[in-house]
Protein backbone atom coordinates (compact mmCIF):
# COMPACT_ATOMS: atom_id res chain seq x y z
CA UNK A 1 197.74 47.65 153.84
CA UNK A 2 193.98 48.12 152.88
CA UNK A 3 194.17 51.66 153.08
CA UNK A 4 196.48 52.14 150.51
CA UNK A 5 194.30 50.01 148.06
CA UNK A 6 191.44 52.35 148.65
CA UNK A 7 192.06 55.52 146.78
CA UNK A 8 193.22 52.80 144.18
CA UNK A 9 190.26 51.26 144.16
CA UNK A 10 188.14 54.56 144.21
CA UNK A 11 190.03 55.68 141.13
CA UNK A 12 189.26 52.33 139.16
CA UNK A 13 185.81 52.76 140.25
CA UNK A 14 185.79 56.51 138.95
CA UNK A 15 187.36 55.66 135.52
CA UNK A 16 185.03 52.55 134.95
CA UNK A 17 181.94 54.82 135.36
CA UNK A 18 183.76 57.29 132.94
CA UNK A 19 184.13 54.80 130.19
CA UNK A 20 180.48 53.38 130.50
CA UNK A 21 178.95 57.30 130.06
CA UNK A 22 181.37 57.55 127.44
CA UNK A 23 180.34 54.72 125.76
CA UNK A 24 176.44 55.28 126.54
CA UNK A 25 176.84 58.85 125.48
CA UNK A 26 178.31 57.40 122.44
CA UNK A 27 175.58 55.06 121.79
CA UNK A 28 173.22 57.70 122.40
CA UNK A 29 174.85 59.95 119.79
CA UNK A 30 175.06 57.08 117.51
CA UNK A 31 171.33 56.30 117.79
CA UNK A 32 170.66 60.20 117.60
CA UNK A 33 172.55 60.25 114.41
CA UNK A 34 170.77 57.19 112.80
CA UNK A 35 167.50 58.68 113.04
CA UNK A 36 168.48 61.87 111.72
CA UNK A 37 170.00 60.03 108.80
CA UNK A 38 166.68 57.75 108.41
CA UNK A 39 164.77 60.92 108.37
CA UNK A 40 166.65 62.81 105.94
CA UNK A 41 167.70 59.44 103.91
CA UNK A 42 165.15 60.25 101.10
CA UNK A 43 164.85 64.05 101.10
CA UNK A 44 166.45 65.55 97.32
CA UNK A 45 167.46 68.78 98.70
CA UNK A 46 171.17 69.35 98.56
CA UNK A 47 172.26 70.61 101.71
CA UNK A 48 171.66 70.77 105.38
CA UNK A 49 171.31 73.93 107.49
CA UNK A 50 172.38 73.24 111.26
CA UNK A 51 170.91 75.81 113.85
CA UNK A 52 172.91 75.34 117.17
CA UNK A 53 173.22 77.78 120.05
CA UNK A 54 176.16 80.23 120.41
CA UNK A 55 177.54 78.92 123.27
CA UNK A 56 178.10 75.21 121.48
CA UNK A 57 177.43 72.83 124.02
CA UNK A 58 179.41 69.58 124.18
CA UNK A 59 176.23 67.73 122.67
CA UNK A 60 176.03 70.47 119.60
CA UNK A 61 179.85 69.92 118.79
CA UNK A 62 179.27 66.23 119.05
CA UNK A 63 176.08 66.42 116.37
CA UNK A 64 178.13 68.76 114.39
CA UNK A 65 180.69 66.35 114.17
CA UNK A 66 178.77 63.61 113.67
CA UNK A 67 176.86 65.25 110.78
CA UNK A 68 180.08 66.57 109.27
CA UNK A 69 181.74 63.36 109.44
CA UNK A 70 179.10 61.25 108.34
CA UNK A 71 176.79 62.80 106.07
CA UNK A 72 178.03 63.80 102.06
CA UNK A 73 175.84 67.07 101.92
CA UNK A 74 177.10 70.19 102.66
CA UNK A 75 176.58 71.96 106.06
CA UNK A 76 175.37 75.70 106.62
CA UNK A 77 175.27 77.16 110.00
CA UNK A 78 172.47 79.51 110.27
CA UNK A 79 174.35 81.66 111.97
CA UNK A 80 176.33 83.00 109.02
CA UNK A 81 173.74 85.01 107.88
CA UNK A 82 173.17 83.34 104.36
CA UNK A 83 169.87 83.50 102.59
CA UNK A 84 169.62 80.33 100.47
CA UNK A 85 167.08 80.18 97.65
CA UNK A 86 167.90 76.20 97.01
CA UNK A 87 165.91 73.38 98.90
CA UNK A 88 167.49 72.59 102.27
CA UNK A 89 166.61 70.04 105.19
CA UNK A 90 167.22 71.49 108.74
CA UNK A 91 168.72 70.44 111.92
CA UNK A 92 167.77 72.70 115.23
CA UNK A 93 169.40 72.05 118.36
CA UNK A 94 167.31 73.65 121.03
CA UNK A 95 168.23 72.18 124.78
CA UNK A 96 169.65 75.79 126.51
CA UNK A 97 166.51 77.82 124.89
CA UNK A 98 164.14 75.64 124.64
CA UNK A 99 161.42 78.76 124.87
CA UNK A 100 162.68 79.65 121.57
CA UNK A 101 161.97 76.82 119.23
CA UNK A 102 158.87 78.30 117.59
CA UNK A 103 161.15 81.72 116.73
CA UNK A 104 163.72 80.01 115.54
CA UNK A 105 161.77 77.97 113.06
CA UNK A 106 160.26 81.12 111.61
CA UNK A 107 163.66 82.77 111.74
CA UNK A 108 165.09 79.85 109.60
CA UNK A 109 161.89 79.81 107.41
CA UNK A 110 162.77 83.60 106.75
CA UNK A 111 166.16 83.09 105.42
CA UNK A 112 166.32 79.42 103.52
CA UNK A 113 163.79 77.24 101.40
CA UNK A 114 162.94 74.48 103.81
CA UNK A 115 162.50 71.03 103.52
CA UNK A 116 162.23 68.58 106.14
CA UNK A 117 163.19 70.10 109.69
CA UNK A 118 164.71 68.23 112.43
CA UNK A 119 164.71 69.90 116.16
CA UNK A 120 165.85 68.61 118.92
CA UNK A 121 164.84 69.50 122.20
CA UNK A 122 164.04 68.40 126.03
CA UNK A 123 160.90 70.50 126.16
CA UNK A 124 157.68 68.82 125.86
CA UNK A 125 155.66 71.69 126.02
CA UNK A 126 157.78 73.61 123.51
CA UNK A 127 157.77 70.49 120.68
CA UNK A 128 153.60 70.51 121.14
CA UNK A 129 153.32 74.26 120.87
CA UNK A 130 155.53 74.11 117.86
CA UNK A 131 153.85 71.51 115.94
CA UNK A 132 150.61 73.05 116.92
CA UNK A 133 151.21 76.35 115.42
CA UNK A 134 152.60 75.03 112.30
CA UNK A 135 151.09 71.82 111.58
CA UNK A 136 153.60 70.85 109.02
CA UNK A 137 154.03 67.47 108.57
CA UNK A 138 157.90 67.87 107.57
CA UNK A 139 158.68 68.85 111.06
CA UNK A 140 160.03 66.11 113.29
CA UNK A 141 160.63 66.80 116.98
CA UNK A 142 163.50 64.87 118.70
CA UNK A 143 162.14 64.45 122.38
CA UNK A 144 164.95 63.04 124.53
CA UNK A 145 163.90 61.25 127.74
CA UNK A 146 166.69 62.05 130.64
CA UNK A 147 165.04 59.56 132.97
CA UNK A 148 165.80 56.08 130.45
CA UNK A 149 167.79 58.51 127.89
CA UNK A 150 165.33 57.31 125.17
CA UNK A 151 164.39 59.37 122.02
CA UNK A 152 160.78 60.18 121.31
CA UNK A 153 159.77 61.33 118.08
CA UNK A 154 156.62 63.60 117.89
CA UNK A 155 155.44 64.78 114.08
CA UNK A 156 151.82 66.44 113.11
CA UNK A 157 149.67 64.53 111.02
CA UNK A 158 147.44 66.14 108.85
CA UNK A 159 145.20 62.91 108.22
CA UNK A 160 144.42 62.50 111.84
CA UNK A 161 144.72 66.15 112.36
CA UNK A 162 146.67 65.75 115.92
CA UNK A 163 150.08 64.94 116.93
CA UNK A 164 151.85 61.46 116.70
CA UNK A 165 153.85 60.23 119.07
CA UNK A 166 156.69 57.44 118.45
CA UNK A 167 158.87 56.21 121.28
CA UNK A 168 161.77 55.01 121.97
CA UNK A 169 162.67 55.21 117.90
CA UNK A 170 166.08 54.21 116.61
CA UNK A 171 165.20 54.24 112.87
CA UNK A 172 162.34 56.30 111.11
CA UNK A 173 160.93 55.91 107.32
CA UNK A 174 159.36 58.97 106.84
CA UNK A 175 157.62 57.04 103.57
CA UNK A 176 156.16 54.23 105.90
CA UNK A 177 153.86 56.50 108.10
CA UNK A 178 152.90 58.84 105.23
CA UNK A 179 149.43 58.46 104.43
CA UNK A 180 147.78 60.78 101.65
CA UNK A 181 144.05 60.52 103.07
CA UNK A 182 142.49 63.41 105.24
CA UNK A 183 140.37 60.87 107.22
CA UNK A 184 136.90 62.12 106.56
CA UNK A 185 137.90 65.95 107.65
CA UNK A 186 135.79 68.72 106.60
CA UNK A 187 137.12 71.94 104.62
CA UNK A 188 135.47 75.21 103.84
CA UNK A 189 136.25 76.51 100.36
CA UNK A 190 135.99 79.93 99.09
CA UNK A 191 134.58 80.66 95.49
CA UNK A 192 132.64 82.84 93.15
CA UNK A 193 131.01 83.40 89.86
CA UNK A 194 133.25 83.08 86.92
CA UNK A 195 132.82 80.93 83.82
CA UNK A 196 133.84 78.36 82.76
CA UNK A 197 136.19 78.14 85.68
CA UNK A 198 133.40 78.09 88.17
CA UNK A 199 129.58 78.07 87.18
CA UNK A 200 127.02 78.80 89.67
CA UNK A 201 123.61 77.76 88.97
CA UNK A 202 120.50 78.64 91.49
CA UNK A 203 117.22 77.44 91.09
CA UNK A 204 113.88 75.87 93.48
CA UNK A 205 116.14 72.91 94.77
CA UNK A 206 119.28 75.37 95.57
CA UNK A 207 122.64 76.32 94.41
CA UNK A 208 124.98 73.91 92.43
CA UNK A 209 128.09 74.59 90.94
CA UNK A 210 129.26 73.56 87.83
CA UNK A 211 132.56 73.89 85.38
CA UNK A 212 136.24 73.22 85.54
CA UNK A 213 137.56 73.85 88.81
CA UNK A 214 134.50 72.38 91.02
CA UNK A 215 135.02 68.94 88.83
CA UNK A 216 138.57 69.59 90.16
CA UNK A 217 137.45 69.99 93.75
CA UNK A 218 135.37 66.62 93.25
CA UNK A 219 138.36 64.90 92.22
CA UNK A 220 140.71 66.23 95.05
CA UNK A 221 137.66 64.97 97.87
CA UNK A 222 137.52 61.58 95.93
CA UNK A 223 141.37 60.74 96.26
CA UNK A 224 142.15 62.72 99.73
CA UNK A 225 138.72 61.64 101.26
CA UNK A 226 137.31 64.96 102.53
CA UNK A 227 133.92 66.57 102.69
CA UNK A 228 133.46 70.14 101.71
CA UNK A 229 131.36 73.01 101.63
CA UNK A 230 131.14 76.14 99.47
CA UNK A 231 131.90 79.80 100.83
CA UNK A 232 130.55 82.27 98.07
CA UNK A 233 132.47 85.70 97.76
CA UNK A 234 130.74 88.72 97.94
CA UNK A 235 130.07 90.17 94.16
CA UNK A 236 131.71 93.34 95.16
CA UNK A 237 134.88 91.54 96.10
CA UNK A 238 135.16 88.58 94.25
CA UNK A 239 139.11 87.41 94.30
CA UNK A 240 139.95 90.30 96.40
CA UNK A 241 142.28 93.46 96.90
CA UNK A 242 144.80 94.42 99.66
CA UNK A 243 143.00 97.79 100.72
CA UNK A 244 145.72 99.99 101.64
CA UNK A 245 146.32 103.55 103.36
CA UNK A 246 147.03 106.11 100.52
CA UNK A 247 149.33 108.21 102.51
CA UNK A 248 151.63 105.52 104.51
CA UNK A 249 150.83 102.19 102.12
CA UNK A 250 150.02 100.14 105.01
CA UNK A 251 147.59 97.20 104.68
CA UNK A 252 144.13 98.20 106.05
CA UNK A 253 142.50 94.82 105.14
CA UNK A 254 142.11 92.29 102.91
CA UNK A 255 139.07 91.47 100.51
CA UNK A 256 137.65 88.72 98.55
CA UNK A 257 138.42 85.17 98.57
CA UNK A 258 142.11 85.68 99.13
CA UNK A 259 141.18 88.02 102.15
CA UNK A 260 139.25 84.96 103.54
CA UNK A 261 142.19 82.75 103.35
CA UNK A 262 144.39 85.62 105.38
CA UNK A 263 141.95 85.67 108.15
CA UNK A 264 141.60 81.77 108.05
CA UNK A 265 137.70 81.63 107.35
CA UNK A 266 138.36 79.11 104.86
CA UNK A 267 140.96 76.25 103.90
CA UNK A 268 141.10 76.36 100.24
CA UNK A 269 139.90 79.02 97.46
CA UNK A 270 139.46 78.61 93.74
CA UNK A 271 137.99 80.55 90.69
CA UNK A 272 140.33 81.03 88.24
CA UNK A 273 142.98 82.37 91.25
CA UNK A 274 145.81 83.61 89.40
CA UNK A 275 149.25 83.44 91.21
CA UNK A 276 150.21 86.72 92.14
CA UNK A 277 153.86 87.32 94.05
CA UNK A 278 152.19 90.30 95.82
CA UNK A 279 150.06 87.86 97.75
CA UNK A 280 152.96 85.19 98.48
CA UNK A 281 153.48 86.80 102.03
CA UNK A 282 149.96 86.30 102.67
CA UNK A 283 149.05 83.20 101.20
CA UNK A 284 150.09 79.89 99.72
CA UNK A 285 149.38 78.87 96.41
CA UNK A 286 149.01 75.07 95.07
CA UNK A 287 150.64 73.56 91.99
CA UNK A 288 149.75 75.76 88.93
CA UNK A 289 147.31 73.37 86.87
CA UNK A 290 146.35 75.91 84.42
CA UNK A 291 148.06 78.69 81.89
CA UNK A 292 146.46 80.76 80.02
CA UNK A 293 146.20 84.57 78.99
CA UNK A 294 144.52 87.82 79.49
CA UNK A 295 143.33 89.73 76.70
CA UNK A 296 140.79 92.42 75.93
CA UNK A 297 137.68 91.95 74.23
CA UNK A 298 136.54 95.07 72.28
CA UNK A 299 133.09 95.81 70.49
CA UNK A 300 132.80 94.10 67.16
CA UNK A 301 133.98 95.73 63.94
CA UNK A 302 130.71 97.71 62.55
CA UNK A 303 129.76 97.07 59.00
CA UNK A 304 130.41 99.18 56.33
CA UNK A 305 127.99 101.26 54.15
CA UNK A 306 126.50 99.03 51.32
CA UNK A 307 127.37 101.33 48.72
CA UNK A 308 131.21 100.59 49.08
CA UNK A 309 130.53 97.47 47.71
CA UNK A 310 131.82 98.62 44.68
CA UNK A 311 135.25 99.76 45.79
CA UNK A 312 135.80 97.13 48.35
CA UNK A 313 136.96 94.43 45.64
CA UNK A 314 140.31 96.45 45.05
CA UNK A 315 142.37 98.11 47.40
CA UNK A 316 143.70 101.68 47.44
CA UNK A 317 147.03 100.76 45.37
CA UNK A 318 145.02 98.45 42.94
CA UNK A 319 142.77 101.34 41.85
CA UNK A 320 145.59 103.48 41.67
CA UNK A 321 147.57 100.86 39.37
CA UNK A 322 144.32 100.63 37.43
CA UNK A 323 143.88 104.41 36.67
CA UNK A 324 147.45 104.80 35.90
CA UNK A 325 147.48 101.85 33.61
CA UNK A 326 144.29 103.25 31.96
CA UNK A 327 145.96 106.83 31.33
CA UNK A 328 148.99 105.06 30.16
CA UNK A 329 147.12 103.24 27.52
CA UNK A 330 144.99 106.16 26.61
CA UNK A 331 148.34 108.49 25.81
CA UNK A 332 149.79 105.79 23.84
CA UNK A 333 146.53 105.02 21.67
CA UNK A 334 146.98 108.66 21.25
CA UNK A 335 150.33 108.95 20.36
CA UNK A 336 149.82 105.88 17.75
CA UNK A 337 147.03 107.74 15.86
CA UNK A 338 148.74 110.97 15.94
CA UNK A 339 151.33 109.78 13.90
CA UNK A 340 148.85 108.20 11.60
CA UNK A 341 147.37 112.23 11.65
CA UNK A 342 144.50 111.02 13.37
CA UNK A 343 144.49 112.35 16.59
CA UNK A 344 141.76 112.00 19.21
CA UNK A 345 142.52 112.08 22.96
CA UNK A 346 139.06 111.59 24.12
CA UNK A 347 138.44 108.70 21.66
CA UNK A 348 141.35 107.12 22.75
CA UNK A 349 140.09 107.74 26.28
CA UNK A 350 136.64 106.20 25.60
CA UNK A 351 138.12 103.11 23.37
CA UNK A 352 140.53 101.91 26.37
CA UNK A 353 137.82 102.32 28.89
CA UNK A 354 135.29 100.49 26.87
CA UNK A 355 137.78 97.59 26.55
CA UNK A 356 138.24 97.85 30.40
CA UNK A 357 134.56 97.55 31.27
CA UNK A 358 134.33 95.05 28.51
CA UNK A 359 131.96 97.35 26.22
CA UNK A 360 131.69 96.16 22.72
CA UNK A 361 133.17 98.98 20.49
CA UNK A 362 131.97 99.92 16.85
CA UNK A 363 135.55 100.49 15.67
CA UNK A 364 138.93 101.44 16.63
CA UNK A 365 139.38 105.03 17.67
CA UNK A 366 140.76 106.38 14.41
CA UNK A 367 138.36 104.22 12.12
CA UNK A 368 141.45 102.11 11.09
CA UNK A 369 144.33 100.11 13.38
CA UNK A 370 148.00 100.02 12.69
CA UNK A 371 150.22 96.93 13.87
CA UNK A 372 151.62 98.83 16.61
CA UNK A 373 148.20 100.21 18.01
CA UNK A 374 146.33 96.43 17.31
CA UNK A 375 149.32 94.92 19.51
CA UNK A 376 148.59 97.71 22.22
CA UNK A 377 145.20 96.91 21.99
CA UNK A 378 145.77 93.29 22.51
CA UNK A 379 147.57 93.38 25.79
CA UNK A 380 145.29 96.27 27.17
CA UNK A 381 142.39 93.73 26.38
CA UNK A 382 144.36 90.58 28.20
CA UNK A 383 145.28 93.01 31.42
CA UNK A 384 141.63 94.48 31.28
CA UNK A 385 139.87 90.71 31.23
CA UNK A 386 142.03 89.97 34.41
CA UNK A 387 141.14 93.05 36.13
CA UNK A 388 137.32 93.25 35.35
CA UNK A 389 136.77 89.12 35.97
CA UNK A 390 138.63 89.69 39.40
CA UNK A 391 136.55 92.43 40.07
CA UNK A 392 133.27 91.20 39.62
CA UNK A 393 134.51 88.05 41.24
CA UNK A 394 135.09 90.25 44.30
CA UNK A 395 132.11 92.31 43.78
CA UNK A 396 129.39 89.49 43.68
CA UNK A 397 131.44 88.31 46.91
CA UNK A 398 131.40 91.40 48.71
CA UNK A 399 127.54 92.05 47.89
CA UNK A 400 126.79 88.43 49.03
CA UNK A 401 128.34 88.55 52.61
CA UNK A 402 128.32 91.60 54.55
CA UNK A 403 131.75 93.14 55.33
CA UNK A 404 133.17 95.07 57.82
CA UNK A 405 135.87 97.74 59.09
CA UNK A 406 138.97 96.55 60.39
CA UNK A 407 138.96 94.78 63.56
CA UNK A 408 140.98 95.68 66.71
CA UNK A 409 143.70 93.24 67.00
CA UNK A 410 146.76 95.15 68.74
CA UNK A 411 147.55 97.33 72.09
CA UNK A 412 148.64 100.05 69.37
CA UNK A 413 145.00 99.97 67.87
CA UNK A 414 143.54 99.68 71.22
CA UNK A 415 145.30 102.92 72.60
CA UNK A 416 144.61 104.51 69.29
CA UNK A 417 140.92 103.76 69.66
CA UNK A 418 138.21 106.29 71.52
CA UNK A 419 137.04 103.10 73.47
CA UNK A 420 137.28 103.36 77.36
CA UNK A 421 139.56 100.48 79.07
CA UNK A 422 138.47 98.56 82.08
CA UNK A 423 139.87 95.66 84.41
CA UNK A 424 139.57 93.90 87.24
CA UNK A 425 143.03 94.01 89.38
CA UNK A 426 145.33 97.15 90.23
CA UNK A 427 148.39 94.77 89.70
CA UNK A 428 148.56 94.36 86.19
CA UNK A 429 147.51 98.36 85.78
CA UNK A 430 150.50 98.43 87.85
CA UNK A 431 152.59 96.20 85.63
CA UNK A 432 151.57 98.03 82.21
CA UNK A 433 152.53 101.36 83.87
CA UNK A 434 155.68 100.07 84.49
CA UNK A 435 156.26 98.50 80.92
CA UNK A 436 159.25 99.08 79.07
CA UNK A 437 156.78 99.26 75.70
CA UNK A 438 155.24 102.82 75.25
CA UNK A 439 152.18 101.25 73.95
CA UNK A 440 151.43 99.12 77.14
CA UNK A 441 152.58 102.52 79.33
CA UNK A 442 149.93 104.52 77.52
CA UNK A 443 147.31 101.81 77.68
CA UNK A 444 148.13 101.95 82.00
CA UNK A 445 147.42 105.26 82.02
CA UNK A 446 144.06 105.21 80.44
CA UNK A 447 142.71 102.02 82.29
CA UNK A 448 139.79 101.98 84.66
CA UNK A 449 139.62 99.14 87.22
CA UNK A 450 136.70 97.89 89.00
CA UNK A 451 136.07 95.08 91.73
CA UNK A 452 132.53 94.61 90.20
CA UNK A 453 133.17 92.32 87.09
CA UNK A 454 129.50 91.94 86.37
CA UNK A 455 129.29 95.69 85.97
CA UNK A 456 132.16 95.21 83.85
CA UNK A 457 130.92 92.51 81.93
CA UNK A 458 127.88 94.48 81.26
CA UNK A 459 129.41 97.93 79.94
CA UNK A 460 130.54 95.66 76.88
CA UNK A 461 127.07 95.80 75.94
CA UNK A 462 127.25 99.75 75.19
CA UNK A 463 129.64 99.46 72.67
CA UNK A 464 132.14 101.70 74.08
CA UNK A 465 134.19 99.86 76.61
CA UNK A 466 136.83 97.18 75.96
CA UNK A 467 137.07 94.86 79.12
CA UNK A 468 140.34 92.67 79.88
CA UNK A 469 139.73 88.88 81.05
CA UNK A 470 141.07 85.50 80.94
CA UNK A 471 140.93 83.62 77.36
CA UNK A 472 139.10 81.00 78.55
CA UNK A 473 136.18 83.56 80.07
CA UNK A 474 136.00 85.42 76.79
CA UNK A 475 135.93 82.43 74.53
CA UNK A 476 133.24 80.94 76.96
CA UNK A 477 131.33 84.35 76.76
CA UNK A 478 131.40 84.41 72.70
CA UNK A 479 130.33 80.84 72.44
CA UNK A 480 127.34 80.99 74.84
CA UNK A 481 124.09 81.74 73.78
CA UNK A 482 123.75 84.69 76.14
CA UNK A 483 127.23 86.33 74.72
CA UNK A 484 126.80 89.28 71.99
CA UNK A 485 129.10 86.82 69.48
CA UNK A 486 128.14 89.11 66.84
CA UNK A 487 128.88 92.18 68.17
CA UNK A 488 132.26 91.73 70.49
CA UNK A 489 135.82 90.68 69.00
CA UNK A 490 138.39 89.01 71.37
CA UNK A 491 141.89 90.71 70.36
CA UNK A 492 144.75 88.73 68.96
CA UNK A 493 147.52 90.54 70.50
CA UNK A 494 147.61 88.88 74.28
CA UNK A 495 148.17 91.31 77.02
CA UNK A 496 149.83 88.80 79.87
CA UNK A 497 150.58 85.21 80.26
CA UNK A 498 148.66 83.75 83.39
CA UNK A 499 149.02 81.06 85.74
CA UNK A 500 145.66 79.73 87.91
CA UNK A 501 146.08 77.51 90.95
CA UNK A 502 144.21 76.89 94.14
CA UNK A 503 144.50 79.31 97.38
CA UNK A 504 145.77 78.01 100.73
CA UNK A 505 146.22 79.69 103.77
CA UNK A 506 149.87 80.51 104.77
CA UNK A 507 151.72 77.79 105.44
CA UNK A 508 148.91 75.27 104.92
CA UNK A 509 149.79 71.37 105.76
CA UNK A 510 146.95 70.86 103.03
CA UNK A 511 149.46 72.16 100.58
CA UNK A 512 151.80 69.10 99.78
CA UNK A 513 148.56 66.32 99.22
CA UNK A 514 146.85 68.68 97.23
CA UNK A 515 149.96 69.43 94.83
CA UNK A 516 150.38 65.76 94.89
CA UNK A 517 146.96 65.18 93.37
CA UNK A 518 147.34 67.92 91.35
CA UNK A 519 150.37 66.52 89.70
CA UNK A 520 148.45 63.26 89.17
CA UNK A 521 145.67 64.39 87.43
CA UNK A 522 147.34 66.83 85.38
CA UNK A 523 150.04 64.17 84.38
CA UNK A 524 147.09 61.82 83.62
CA UNK A 525 145.22 64.14 81.30
CA UNK A 526 142.52 64.72 83.20
CA UNK A 527 141.86 68.64 84.03
CA UNK A 528 142.30 68.96 80.35
CA UNK A 529 139.52 66.91 79.88
CA UNK A 530 137.34 68.77 82.56
CA UNK A 531 138.69 72.00 80.54
CA UNK A 532 137.23 70.77 77.17
CA UNK A 533 134.06 70.10 78.84
CA UNK A 534 131.26 72.66 78.58
CA UNK A 535 129.14 73.27 81.72
CA UNK A 536 125.15 71.74 81.36
CA UNK A 537 122.93 73.78 79.40
CA UNK A 538 125.74 75.85 77.49
CA UNK A 539 126.52 75.03 74.16
CA UNK A 540 127.85 76.86 70.81
CA UNK A 541 125.42 78.22 68.63
CA UNK A 542 124.40 76.05 66.25
CA UNK A 543 125.13 77.14 62.89
CA UNK A 544 122.34 78.37 60.91
CA UNK A 545 121.13 76.64 57.86
CA UNK A 546 122.02 77.87 54.10
CA UNK A 547 119.40 79.88 52.95
CA UNK A 548 118.72 81.54 49.48
CA UNK A 549 120.41 85.05 49.38
CA UNK A 550 118.75 87.49 47.67
CA UNK A 551 119.81 91.03 46.77
CA UNK A 552 117.80 93.56 47.87
CA UNK A 553 117.48 97.48 47.18
CA UNK A 554 119.91 97.73 50.24
CA UNK A 555 122.60 95.39 49.07
CA UNK A 556 122.37 97.10 45.23
CA UNK A 557 122.56 100.66 46.61
CA UNK A 558 125.93 101.17 45.37
CA UNK A 559 124.63 99.75 41.79
CA UNK A 560 121.60 102.46 41.86
CA UNK A 561 123.82 105.20 43.19
CA UNK A 562 126.49 104.48 40.15
CA UNK A 563 123.60 104.27 37.63
CA UNK A 564 122.25 107.83 38.94
CA UNK A 565 125.78 109.46 38.97
CA UNK A 566 126.20 107.95 35.42
CA UNK A 567 122.91 109.64 33.99
CA UNK A 568 123.91 112.99 35.39
CA UNK A 569 126.96 112.93 34.37
CA UNK A 570 126.01 112.01 30.70
CA UNK A 571 123.23 114.88 31.01
CA UNK A 572 125.59 117.69 31.55
CA UNK A 573 128.07 115.67 28.82
CA UNK A 574 125.28 116.17 26.68
CA UNK A 575 124.51 120.03 27.80
CA UNK A 576 127.92 121.01 27.38
CA UNK A 577 127.58 119.57 23.88
CA UNK A 578 124.60 121.51 22.90
CA UNK A 579 125.47 124.76 24.78
CA UNK A 580 129.09 125.21 24.26
CA UNK A 581 129.00 125.55 20.69
CA UNK A 582 126.91 128.20 20.78
CA UNK A 583 128.82 129.98 23.36
CA UNK A 584 132.02 129.80 21.45
CA UNK A 585 130.94 130.08 17.84
CA UNK A 586 127.82 132.48 17.82
CA UNK A 587 127.86 133.76 14.87
CA UNK A 588 128.37 130.44 12.69
CA UNK A 589 125.38 128.87 14.49
CA UNK A 590 123.38 132.34 13.45
CA UNK A 591 124.70 131.44 9.58
CA UNK A 592 123.42 127.58 9.56
CA UNK A 593 119.86 128.53 11.14
CA UNK A 594 119.87 131.55 7.99
CA UNK A 595 120.96 129.40 5.70
CA UNK A 596 118.44 126.34 6.34
């Protein structure tokens, strides 16, 4: 009888153990889901990427069912092979292949734009290795402890610069555990001399940095609680380039402050650093804090000869219209005199010209004036008064203030000019060569690039070079006493819009905090305030006091040239009047002399 109850008791015990295990497993799965849900609760990303093994173990299937059934966001399996450019959170199950946790994370980063990443594993070594390699505060590792069936949460802390561990967690609010401070960490920053963004001054006491971006760095250090030291770039490297093999195109090395970031020599780099797509695979950029333009500075227009002041008040078309009007009035006066049987074309021309020049006439061309001729003369006198008054006013202004040639303001004018063209980066030269605008393509073929910006700026003094730089730098150059403001001219047509930011190491954990503070500084208007400030010792040239203008012989050389030409022409006319009758009527002249 007792032997019959033994199998029944064993089956009942197995059922109790099975129910207990299912209940514990359900509770563990529920706890796991609650932790995942609390981490992703405040994320703004519209979707979740789930990475599970191909075998899909029972735990992974249970996780997939929980996420699908209790989450309103769409679930995307990483095995689908899709690329998403929108923001996604990620949940990675890595129990069977824990040694591949870091490679799985990098694979997801290549195909998805990741925000928060939750990795579930049972390998403490792989969890620590992932966090130490990436150092990203948005990665949360859920480490399951088989001994007591508890869940330990691991995350990297930028503030403490170490891995933080939270044992037996059930709910985790990321906002409560986020510390924006760097806990007095020391950062190395690469920079360069590029006014007005960064101005480097060296004296007996040492080297000091001024300008827009050093002021922003001080604000960042104050808000984020870190210290820093500067590392200066070499003068022949500056921002840096990717040196490639000309045959294979393979990158050989990186130079400049960007190269320091790639090699991990510095934590941050600044100096009017442009956001360039070609560098995105190698370094990270902070939030854009400034937009500007790249444009060319060219030699200023040379002053015209002083004698040209006589023709400068009127344009070519105005001079042609005035001459045509003079000829038309002369013909009209001549025809009116012809009706009165008193025709003299020369007399009519002299009279009309005298009215235009405001020269008093002793009489009308034929000695008397009809009503028709009087009306014509009045109309011409009214027009001549306006023309002569405008001309004399313009002449006085041109004599008082020197005038110059038309400046180079468009890319077409720059391309057609004989100036040599130079810029710093090969990247923008490539952009110009691939432009759809023919003038920009032609400019790209004419460009010369250099790695020494100091040499490039020195070429401006020769008056034979046009140099490309940012608009802020060119305005600073033009307004400082050391700048040749009287001989340089900034083109009105811009070359490219530019975006400046701070450079960081690829995937740097500092980026999130730097971006947050930069956004707050931008919204508060502090960056615009610091951009408006002038570095000490650099002030715009003070306006000179008004002085009395005295015309010299050089100013009035045009008037003397005109006087000389007039005397020459009148002398020639006098000689012609004396000689021409002798040549045309020699007999008549002889008879007159014989009679006398």
